[in-house]
């Protein structure tokens, strides 16, 4: 698998994910607590106890994806660079 060709789609995916999730979380944490509990908009958001759990899980997932990508590129370059080949005697 050629990891070098995945860098742009992976970057766009991360950008789209955080471009959607950060405004949603900001509205959830900064505006929703001040609305009436019977409001229709408030029913679109989960309980406040998930306010830390969801960003934490998404951060760990993104770190895992980016770390796996980085390790894959590093290992591929390591093997292609001939660093592990035996030197001629």
PDB file of N, CA and C in Angstrom:
ATOM      1  N   UNK A   1       0.848  -1.174   0.000  1.00  0.00           N
ATOM      2  CA  UNK A   1       0.000   0.000   0.000  1.00  0.00           C
ATOM      3  C   UNK A   1       0.891   1.234   0.000  1.00  0.00           C
ATOM      4  N   UNK A   2       0.583   2.177  -0.858  1.00  0.00           N
ATOM      5  CA  UNK A   2       1.382   3.385  -0.973  1.00  0.00           C
ATOM      6  C   UNK A   2       0.804   4.457  -0.049  1.00  0.00           C
ATOM      7  N   UNK A   3       1.428   4.626   1.107  1.00  0.00           N
ATOM      8  CA  UNK A   3       0.937   5.580   2.089  1.00  0.00           C
ATOM      9  C   UNK A   3       1.153   7.030   1.655  1.00  0.00           C
ATOM     10  N   UNK A   4       2.130   7.256   0.799  1.00  0.00           N
ATOM     11  CA  UNK A   4       2.419   8.625   0.388  1.00  0.00           C
ATOM     12  C   UNK A   4       1.269   9.230  -0.424  1.00  0.00           C
ATOM     13  N   UNK A   5       0.489   8.412  -1.110  1.00  0.00           N
ATOM     14  CA  UNK A   5      -0.638   8.920  -1.893  1.00  0.00           C
ATOM     15  C   UNK A   5      -1.871   9.173  -1.030  1.00  0.00           C
ATOM     16  N   UNK A   6      -1.840   8.736   0.220  1.00  0.00           N
ATOM     17  CA  UNK A   6      -2.980   8.908   1.105  1.00  0.00           C
ATOM     18  C   UNK A   6      -2.894  10.171   1.941  1.00  0.00           C
ATOM     19  N   UNK A   7      -1.831  10.934   1.836  1.00  0.00           N
ATOM     20  CA  UNK A   7      -1.674  12.073   2.728  1.00  0.00           C
ATOM     21  C   UNK A   7      -2.706  13.176   2.476  1.00  0.00           C
ATOM     22  N   UNK A   8      -3.010  13.483   1.220  1.00  0.00           N
ATOM     23  CA  UNK A   8      -4.010  14.521   0.941  1.00  0.00           C
ATOM     24  C   UNK A   8      -5.420  14.085   1.350  1.00  0.00           C
ATOM     25  N   UNK A   9      -5.884  12.887   0.936  1.00  0.00           N
ATOM     26  CA  UNK A   9      -7.228  12.486   1.378  1.00  0.00           C
ATOM     27  C   UNK A   9      -7.345  12.373   2.901  1.00  0.00           C
ATOM     28  N   UNK A  10      -6.291  11.896   3.544  1.00  0.00           N
ATOM     29  CA  UNK A  10      -6.311  11.799   5.001  1.00  0.00           C
ATOM     30  C   UNK A  10      -6.379  13.191   5.624  1.00  0.00           C
ATOM     31  N   UNK A  11      -5.617  14.130   5.090  1.00  0.00           N
ATOM     32  CA  UNK A  11      -5.654  15.501   5.596  1.00  0.00           C
ATOM     33  C   UNK A  11      -7.008  16.151   5.381  1.00  0.00           C
ATOM     34  N   UNK A  12      -7.601  15.950   4.207  1.00  0.00           N
ATOM     35  CA  UNK A  12      -8.935  16.499   3.950  1.00  0.00           C
ATOM     36  C   UNK A  12      -9.984  15.859   4.863  1.00  0.00           C
ATOM     37  N   UNK A  13      -9.842  14.570   5.114  1.00  0.00           N
ATOM     38  CA  UNK A  13     -10.775  13.895   6.014  1.00  0.00           C
ATOM     39  C   UNK A  13     -10.687  14.426   7.435  1.00  0.00           C
ATOM     40  N   UNK A  14      -9.472  14.639   7.907  1.00  0.00           N
ATOM     41  CA  UNK A  14      -9.289  15.183   9.244  1.00  0.00           C
ATOM     42  C   UNK A  14      -9.828  16.607   9.312  1.00  0.00           C
ATOM     43  N   UNK A  15      -9.560  17.396   8.282  1.00  0.00           N
ATOM     44  CA  UNK A  15     -10.057  18.769   8.243  1.00  0.00           C
ATOM     45  C   UNK A  15     -11.583  18.803   8.236  1.00  0.00           C
ATOM     46  N   UNK A  16     -12.214  17.948   7.447  1.00  0.00           N
ATOM     47  CA  UNK A  16     -13.678  17.906   7.400  1.00  0.00           C
ATOM     48  C   UNK A  16     -14.249  17.450   8.735  1.00  0.00           C
ATOM     49  N   UNK A  17     -13.628  16.440   9.336  1.00  0.00           N
ATOM     50  CA  UNK A  17     -14.119  15.930  10.616  1.00  0.00           C
ATOM     51  C   UNK A  17     -14.094  17.020  11.685  1.00  0.00           C
ATOM     52  N   UNK A  18     -12.965  17.702  11.806  1.00  0.00           N
ATOM     53  CA  UNK A  18     -12.864  18.733  12.826  1.00  0.00           C
ATOM     54  C   UNK A  18     -13.609  20.005  12.437  1.00  0.00           C
ATOM     55  N   UNK A  19     -13.762  20.262  11.144  1.00  0.00           N
ATOM     56  CA  UNK A  19     -14.542  21.406  10.704  1.00  0.00           C
ATOM     57  C   UNK A  19     -16.013  21.274  11.042  1.00  0.00           C
ATOM     58  N   UNK A  20     -16.497  20.051  11.152  1.00  0.00           N
ATOM     59  CA  UNK A  20     -17.884  19.810  11.531  1.00  0.00           C
ATOM     60  C   UNK A  20     -18.024  19.649  13.039  1.00  0.00           C
ATOM     61  N   UNK A  21     -17.118  18.911  13.647  1.00  0.00           N
ATOM     62  CA  UNK A  21     -17.280  18.580  15.062  1.00  0.00           C
ATOM     63  C   UNK A  21     -16.973  19.746  16.002  1.00  0.00           C
ATOM     64  N   UNK A  22     -16.010  20.592  15.681  1.00  0.00           N
ATOM     65  CA  UNK A  22     -15.668  21.687  16.590  1.00  0.00           C
ATOM     66  C   UNK A  22     -16.801  22.708  16.712  1.00  0.00           C
ATOM     67  N   UNK A  23     -17.405  23.187  15.619  1.00  0.00           N
ATOM     68  CA  UNK A  23     -18.546  24.101  15.811  1.00  0.00           C
ATOM     69  C   UNK A  23     -19.717  23.448  16.547  1.00  0.00           C
ATOM     70  N   UNK A  24     -19.969  22.170  16.261  1.00  0.00           N
ATOM     71  CA  UNK A  24     -21.044  21.464  16.958  1.00  0.00           C
ATOM     72  C   UNK A  24     -20.768  21.429  18.459  1.00  0.00           C
ATOM     73  N   UNK A  25     -19.547  21.101  18.837  1.00  0.00           N
ATOM     74  CA  UNK A  25     -19.207  21.031  20.253  1.00  0.00           C
ATOM     75  C   UNK A  25     -19.230  22.408  20.912  1.00  0.00           C
ATOM     76  N   UNK A  26     -18.802  23.439  20.188  1.00  0.00           N
ATOM     77  CA  UNK A  26     -18.855  24.784  20.759  1.00  0.00           C
ATOM     78  C   UNK A  26     -20.286  25.222  21.031  1.00  0.00           C
ATOM     79  N   UNK A  27     -21.185  24.940  20.091  1.00  0.00           N
ATOM     80  CA  UNK A  27     -22.596  25.261  20.322  1.00  0.00           C
ATOM     81  C   UNK A  27     -23.129  24.453  21.492  1.00  0.00           C
ATOM     82  N   UNK A  28     -22.752  23.183  21.538  1.00  0.00           N
ATOM     83  CA  UNK A  28     -23.226  22.279  22.579  1.00  0.00           C
ATOM     84  C   UNK A  28     -22.762  22.734  23.957  1.00  0.00           C
ATOM     85  N   UNK A  29     -21.528  23.174  24.060  1.00  0.00           N
ATOM     86  CA  UNK A  29     -20.979  23.522  25.362  1.00  0.00           C
ATOM     87  C   UNK A  29     -21.243  24.971  25.776  1.00  0.00           C
ATOM     88  N   UNK A  30     -21.377  25.889  24.814  1.00  0.00           N
ATOM     89  CA  UNK A  30     -21.489  27.293  25.170  1.00  0.00           C
ATOM     90  C   UNK A  30     -22.894  27.869  25.069  1.00  0.00           C
ATOM     91  N   UNK A  31     -23.753  27.282  24.248  1.00  0.00           N
ATOM     92  CA  UNK A  31     -25.081  27.858  24.046  1.00  0.00           C
ATOM     93  C   UNK A  31     -26.183  26.997  24.664  1.00  0.00           C
ATOM     94  N   UNK A  32     -26.109  25.699  24.474  1.00  0.00           N
ATOM     95  CA  UNK A  32     -27.178  24.798  24.919  1.00  0.00           C
ATOM     96  C   UNK A  32     -27.435  24.853  26.426  1.00  0.00           C
ATOM     97  N   UNK A  33     -26.430  24.962  27.284  1.00  0.00           N
ATOM     98  CA  UNK A  33     -26.738  24.995  28.730  1.00  0.00           C
ATOM     99  C   UNK A  33     -27.605  26.185  29.142  1.00  0.00           C
ATOM    100  N   UNK A  34     -27.653  27.240  28.352  1.00  0.00           N
ATOM    101  CA  UNK A  34     -28.426  28.415  28.712  1.00  0.00           C
ATOM    102  C   UNK A  34     -29.817  28.431  28.091  1.00  0.00           C
ATOM    103  N   UNK A  35     -30.197  27.383  27.388  1.00  0.00           N
ATOM    104  CA  UNK A  35     -31.523  27.307  26.768  1.00  0.00           C
ATOM    105  C   UNK A  35     -32.483  26.570  27.700  1.00  0.00           C
ATOM    106  N   UNK A  36     -33.770  26.757  27.456  1.00  0.00           N
ATOM    107  CA  UNK A  36     -34.779  26.052  28.240  1.00  0.00           C
ATOM    108  C   UNK A  36     -34.666  24.553  28.026  1.00  0.00           C
ATOM    109  N   UNK A  37     -34.971  23.772  29.049  1.00  0.00           N
ATOM    110  CA  UNK A  37     -34.844  22.318  28.942  1.00  0.00           C
ATOM    111  C   UNK A  37     -35.885  21.711  28.004  1.00  0.00           C
ATOM    112  N   UNK A  38     -36.996  22.424  27.744  1.00  0.00           N
ATOM    113  CA  UNK A  38     -38.030  21.911  26.837  1.00  0.00           C
ATOM    114  C   UNK A  38     -37.827  22.381  25.402  1.00  0.00           C
ATOM    115  N   UNK A  39     -36.764  23.086  25.114  1.00  0.00           N
ATOM    116  CA  UNK A  39     -36.527  23.627  23.780  1.00  0.00           C
ATOM    117  C   UNK A  39     -36.302  22.502  22.768  1.00  0.00           C
ATOM    118  N   UNK A  40     -36.795  22.716  21.542  1.00  0.00           N
ATOM    119  CA  UNK A  40     -36.645  21.727  20.480  1.00  0.00           C
ATOM    120  C   UNK A  40     -35.181  21.564  20.085  1.00  0.00           C
ATOM    121  N   UNK A  41     -34.448  22.660  20.071  1.00  0.00           N
ATOM    122  CA  UNK A  41     -33.030  22.606  19.694  1.00  0.00           C
ATOM    123  C   UNK A  41     -32.239  21.795  20.712  1.00  0.00           C
ATOM    124  N   UNK A  42     -32.590  21.930  21.978  1.00  0.00           N
ATOM    125  CA  UNK A  42     -31.858  21.199  23.025  1.00  0.00           C
ATOM    126  C   UNK A  42     -32.030  19.692  22.883  1.00  0.00           C
ATOM    127  N   UNK A  43     -33.104  19.245  22.291  1.00  0.00           N
ATOM    128  CA  UNK A  43     -33.330  17.808  22.110  1.00  0.00           C
ATOM    129  C   UNK A  43     -32.423  17.220  21.026  1.00  0.00           C
ATOM    130  N   UNK A  44     -31.803  18.051  20.198  1.00  0.00           N
ATOM    131  CA  UNK A  44     -30.887  17.577  19.159  1.00  0.00           C
ATOM    132  C   UNK A  44     -29.512  17.215  19.718  1.00  0.00           C
ATOM    133  N   UNK A  45     -29.229  17.607  20.936  1.00  0.00           N
ATOM    134  CA  UNK A  45     -27.928  17.386  21.536  1.00  0.00           C
ATOM    135  C   UNK A  45     -28.033  16.345  22.649  1.00  0.00           C
ATOM    136  N   UNK A  46     -27.022  15.485  22.776  1.00  0.00           N
ATOM    137  CA  UNK A  46     -27.047  14.502  23.856  1.00  0.00           C
ATOM    138  C   UNK A  46     -26.825  15.153  25.218  1.00  0.00           C
ATOM    139  N   UNK A  47     -26.812  14.331  26.230  1.00  0.00           N
ATOM    140  CA  UNK A  47     -26.611  14.796  27.600  1.00  0.00           C
ATOM    141  C   UNK A  47     -25.245  15.471  27.740  1.00  0.00           C
ATOM    142  N   UNK A  48     -25.132  16.357  28.716  1.00  0.00           N
ATOM    143  CA  UNK A  48     -23.886  17.090  28.924  1.00  0.00           C
ATOM    144  C   UNK A  48     -22.738  16.202  29.397  1.00  0.00           C
ATOM    145  N   UNK A  49     -23.036  15.025  29.909  1.00  0.00           N
ATOM    146  CA  UNK A  49     -21.949  14.150  30.376  1.00  0.00           C
ATOM    147  C   UNK A  49     -21.094  13.630  29.218  1.00  0.00           C
ATOM    148  N   UNK A  50     -21.632  13.678  28.006  1.00  0.00           N
ATOM    149  CA  UNK A  50     -20.860  13.250  26.840  1.00  0.00           C
ATOM    150  C   UNK A  50     -20.002  14.378  26.264  1.00  0.00           C
ATOM    151  N   UNK A  51     -20.075  15.562  26.866  1.00  0.00           N
ATOM    152  CA  UNK A  51     -19.350  16.717  26.345  1.00  0.00           C
ATOM    153  C   UNK A  51     -17.842  16.524  26.389  1.00  0.00           C
ATOM    154  N   UNK A  52     -17.347  15.742  27.290  1.00  0.00           N
ATOM    155  CA  UNK A  52     -15.919  15.449  27.345  1.00  0.00           C
ATOM    156  C   UNK A  52     -15.584  14.093  26.739  1.00  0.00           C
ATOM    157  N   UNK A  53     -16.522  13.169  26.797  1.00  0.00           N
ATOM    158  CA  UNK A  53     -16.271  11.826  26.295  1.00  0.00           C
ATOM    159  C   UNK A  53     -16.135  11.794  24.770  1.00  0.00           C
ATOM    160  N   UNK A  54     -16.995  12.483  24.063  1.00  0.00           N
ATOM    161  CA  UNK A  54     -16.951  12.480  22.598  1.00  0.00           C
ATOM    162  C   UNK A  54     -15.684  13.144  22.057  1.00  0.00           C
ATOM    163  N   UNK A  55     -15.289  14.336  22.525  1.00  0.00           N
ATOM    164  CA  UNK A  55     -14.027  14.902  22.022  1.00  0.00           C
ATOM    165  C   UNK A  55     -12.810  14.063  22.396  1.00  0.00           C
ATOM    166  N   UNK A  56     -12.815  13.463  23.562  1.00  0.00           N
ATOM    167  CA  UNK A  56     -11.694  12.612  23.961  1.00  0.00           C
ATOM    168  C   UNK A  56     -11.567  11.406  23.040  1.00  0.00           C
ATOM    169  N   UNK A  57     -12.668  10.754  22.757  1.00  0.00           N
ATOM    170  CA  UNK A  57     -12.635   9.585  21.860  1.00  0.00           C
ATOM    171  C   UNK A  57     -12.246   9.988  20.435  1.00  0.00           C
ATOM    172  N   UNK A  58     -12.752  11.130  19.960  1.00  0.00           N
ATOM    173  CA  UNK A  58     -12.382  11.564  18.618  1.00  0.00           C
ATOM    174  C   UNK A  58     -10.912  11.951  18.554  1.00  0.00           C
ATOM    175  N   UNK A  59     -10.382  12.563  19.607  1.00  0.00           N
ATOM    176  CA  UNK A  59      -8.962  12.902  19.638  1.00  0.00           C
ATOM    177  C   UNK A  59      -8.107  11.639  19.626  1.00  0.00           C
ATOM    178  N   UNK A  60      -8.477  10.649  20.424  1.00  0.00           N
ATOM    179  CA  UNK A  60      -7.711   9.397  20.443  1.00  0.00           C
ATOM    180  C   UNK A  60      -7.778   8.678  19.102  1.00  0.00           C
ATOM    181  N   UNK A  61      -8.931   8.718  18.446  1.00  0.00           N
ATOM    182  CA  UNK A  61      -9.053   8.092  17.129  1.00  0.00           C
ATOM    183  C   UNK A  61      -8.178   8.805  16.105  1.00  0.00           C
ATOM    184  N   UNK A  62      -8.164  10.127  16.122  1.00  0.00           N
ATOM    185  CA  UNK A  62      -7.338  10.876  15.178  1.00  0.00           C
ATOM    186  C   UNK A  62      -5.848  10.662  15.439  1.00  0.00           C
ATOM    187  N   UNK A  63      -5.456  10.613  16.707  1.00  0.00           N
ATOM    188  CA  UNK A  63      -4.046  10.348  17.026  1.00  0.00           C
ATOM    189  C   UNK A  63      -3.651   8.959  16.539  1.00  0.00           C
ATOM    190  N   UNK A  64      -4.542   7.997  16.678  1.00  0.00           N
ATOM    191  CA  UNK A  64      -4.267   6.650  16.206  1.00  0.00           C
ATOM    192  C   UNK A  64      -4.118   6.615  14.687  1.00  0.00           C
ATOM    193  N   UNK A  65      -5.013   7.281  13.966  1.00  0.00           N
ATOM    194  CA  UNK A  65      -4.950   7.287  12.498  1.00  0.00           C
ATOM    195  C   UNK A  65      -3.687   7.985  12.017  1.00  0.00           C
ATOM    196  N   UNK A  66      -3.401   9.160  12.566  1.00  0.00           N
ATOM    197  CA  UNK A  66      -2.222   9.909  12.132  1.00  0.00           C
ATOM    198  C   UNK A  66      -0.942   9.173  12.526  1.00  0.00           C
ATOM    199  N   UNK A  67      -0.910   8.589  13.711  1.00  0.00           N
ATOM    200  CA  UNK A  67       0.259   7.825  14.142  1.00  0.00           C
ATOM    201  C   UNK A  67       0.496   6.598  13.283  1.00  0.00           C
ATOM    202  N   UNK A  68      -0.564   5.881  12.939  1.00  0.00           N
ATOM    203  CA  UNK A  68      -0.436   4.713  12.077  1.00  0.00           C
ATOM    204  C   UNK A  68       0.068   5.118  10.695  1.00  0.00           C
ATOM    205  N   UNK A  69      -0.455   6.208  10.178  1.00  0.00           N
ATOM    206  CA  UNK A  69      -0.005   6.720   8.887  1.00  0.00           C
ATOM    207  C   UNK A  69       1.481   7.081   8.932  1.00  0.00           C
ATOM    208  N   UNK A  70       1.877   7.806   9.961  1.00  0.00           N
ATOM    209  CA  UNK A  70       3.272   8.207  10.088  1.00  0.00           C
ATOM    210  C   UNK A  70       4.214   7.030  10.232  1.00  0.00           C
ATOM    211  N   UNK A  71       3.840   6.053  11.020  1.00  0.00           N
ATOM    212  CA  UNK A  71       4.672   4.856  11.193  1.00  0.00           C
ATOM    213  C   UNK A  71       4.752   4.082   9.887  1.00  0.00           C
ATOM    214  N   UNK A  72       3.625   3.994   9.162  1.00  0.00           N
ATOM    215  CA  UNK A  72       3.633   3.295   7.875  1.00  0.00           C
ATOM    216  C   UNK A  72       4.562   3.947   6.871  1.00  0.00           C
ATOM    217  N   UNK A  73       4.534   5.273   6.794  1.00  0.00           N
ATOM    218  CA  UNK A  73       5.425   5.993   5.876  1.00  0.00           C
ATOM    219  C   UNK A  73       6.871   5.811   6.303  1.00  0.00           C
ATOM    220  N   UNK A  74       7.136   5.908   7.592  1.00  0.00           N
ATOM    221  CA  UNK A  74       8.498   5.766   8.089  1.00  0.00           C
ATOM    222  C   UNK A  74       9.053   4.381   7.797  1.00  0.00           C
ATOM    223  N   UNK A  75       8.264   3.343   8.060  1.00  0.00           N
ATOM    224  CA  UNK A  75       8.725   1.966   7.829  1.00  0.00           C
ATOM    225  C   UNK A  75       8.947   1.718   6.344  1.00  0.00           C
ATOM    226  N   UNK A  76       8.051   2.213   5.500  1.00  0.00           N
ATOM    227  CA  UNK A  76       8.216   2.021   4.061  1.00  0.00           C
ATOM    228  C   UNK A  76       9.483   2.709   3.566  1.00  0.00           C
ATOM    229  N   UNK A  77       9.721   3.923   3.999  1.00  0.00           N
ATOM    230  CA  UNK A  77      10.934   4.638   3.603  1.00  0.00           C
ATOM    231  C   UNK A  77      12.178   3.935   4.144  1.00  0.00           C
ATOM    232  N   UNK A  78      12.083   3.385   5.317  1.00  0.00           N
ATOM    233  CA  UNK A  78      13.218   2.682   5.919  1.00  0.00           C
ATOM    234  C   UNK A  78      13.614   1.484   5.070  1.00  0.00           C
ATOM    235  N   UNK A  79      12.619   0.701   4.647  1.00  0.00           N
ATOM    236  CA  UNK A  79      12.921  -0.482   3.844  1.00  0.00           C
ATOM    237  C   UNK A  79      13.339  -0.119   2.421  1.00  0.00           C
ATOM    238  N   UNK A  80      12.735   0.894   1.826  1.00  0.00           N
ATOM    239  CA  UNK A  80      13.093   1.283   0.465  1.00  0.00           C
ATOM    240  C   UNK A  80      14.440   1.986   0.400  1.00  0.00           C
ATOM    241  N   UNK A  81      14.843   2.602   1.457  1.00  0.00           N
ATOM    242  CA  UNK A  81      16.093   3.325   1.481  1.00  0.00           C
ATOM    243  C   UNK A  81      17.298   2.406   1.570  1.00  0.00           C
ATOM    244  N   UNK A  82      17.090   1.127   1.743  1.00  0.00           N
ATOM    245  CA  UNK A  82      18.167   0.167   1.802  1.00  0.00           C
ATOM    246  C   UNK A  82      18.918   0.179   3.110  1.00  0.00           C
ATOM    247  N   UNK A  83      18.344   0.709   4.130  1.00  0.00           N
ATOM    248  CA  UNK A  83      19.037   0.792   5.415  1.00  0.00           C
ATOM    249  C   UNK A  83      19.131  -0.554   6.111  1.00  0.00           C
ATOM    250  N   UNK A  84      18.250  -1.458   5.759  1.00  0.00           N
ATOM    251  CA  UNK A  84      18.293  -2.769   6.406  1.00  0.00           C
ATOM    252  C   UNK A  84      18.959  -3.837   5.543  1.00  0.00           C
ATOM    253  N   UNK A  85      19.424  -3.453   4.374  1.00  0.00           N
ATOM    254  CA  UNK A  85      20.098  -4.418   3.513  1.00  0.00           C
ATOM    255  C   UNK A  85      21.524  -4.648   4.020  1.00  0.00           C
ATOM    256  N   UNK A  86      22.020  -5.835   3.765  1.00  0.00           N
ATOM    257  CA  UNK A  86      23.385  -6.143   4.190  1.00  0.00           C
ATOM    258  C   UNK A  86      24.394  -5.392   3.333  1.00  0.00           C
ATOM    259  N   UNK A  87      25.432  -4.931   3.957  1.00  0.00           N
ATOM    260  CA  UNK A  87      26.498  -4.252   3.225  1.00  0.00           C
ATOM    261  C   UNK A  87      27.389  -5.283   2.528  1.00  0.00           C
ATOM    262  N   UNK A  88      27.845  -4.999   1.336  1.00  0.00           N
ATOM    263  CA  UNK A  88      28.751  -5.930   0.662  1.00  0.00           C
ATOM    264  C   UNK A  88      30.086  -5.994   1.393  1.00  0.00           C
ATOM    265  N   UNK A  89      30.594  -7.194   1.488  1.00  0.00           N
ATOM    266  CA  UNK A  89      31.859  -7.382   2.223  1.00  0.00           C
ATOM    267  C   UNK A  89      33.036  -7.419   1.301  1.00  0.00           C
TER     268      UNK A  89
END
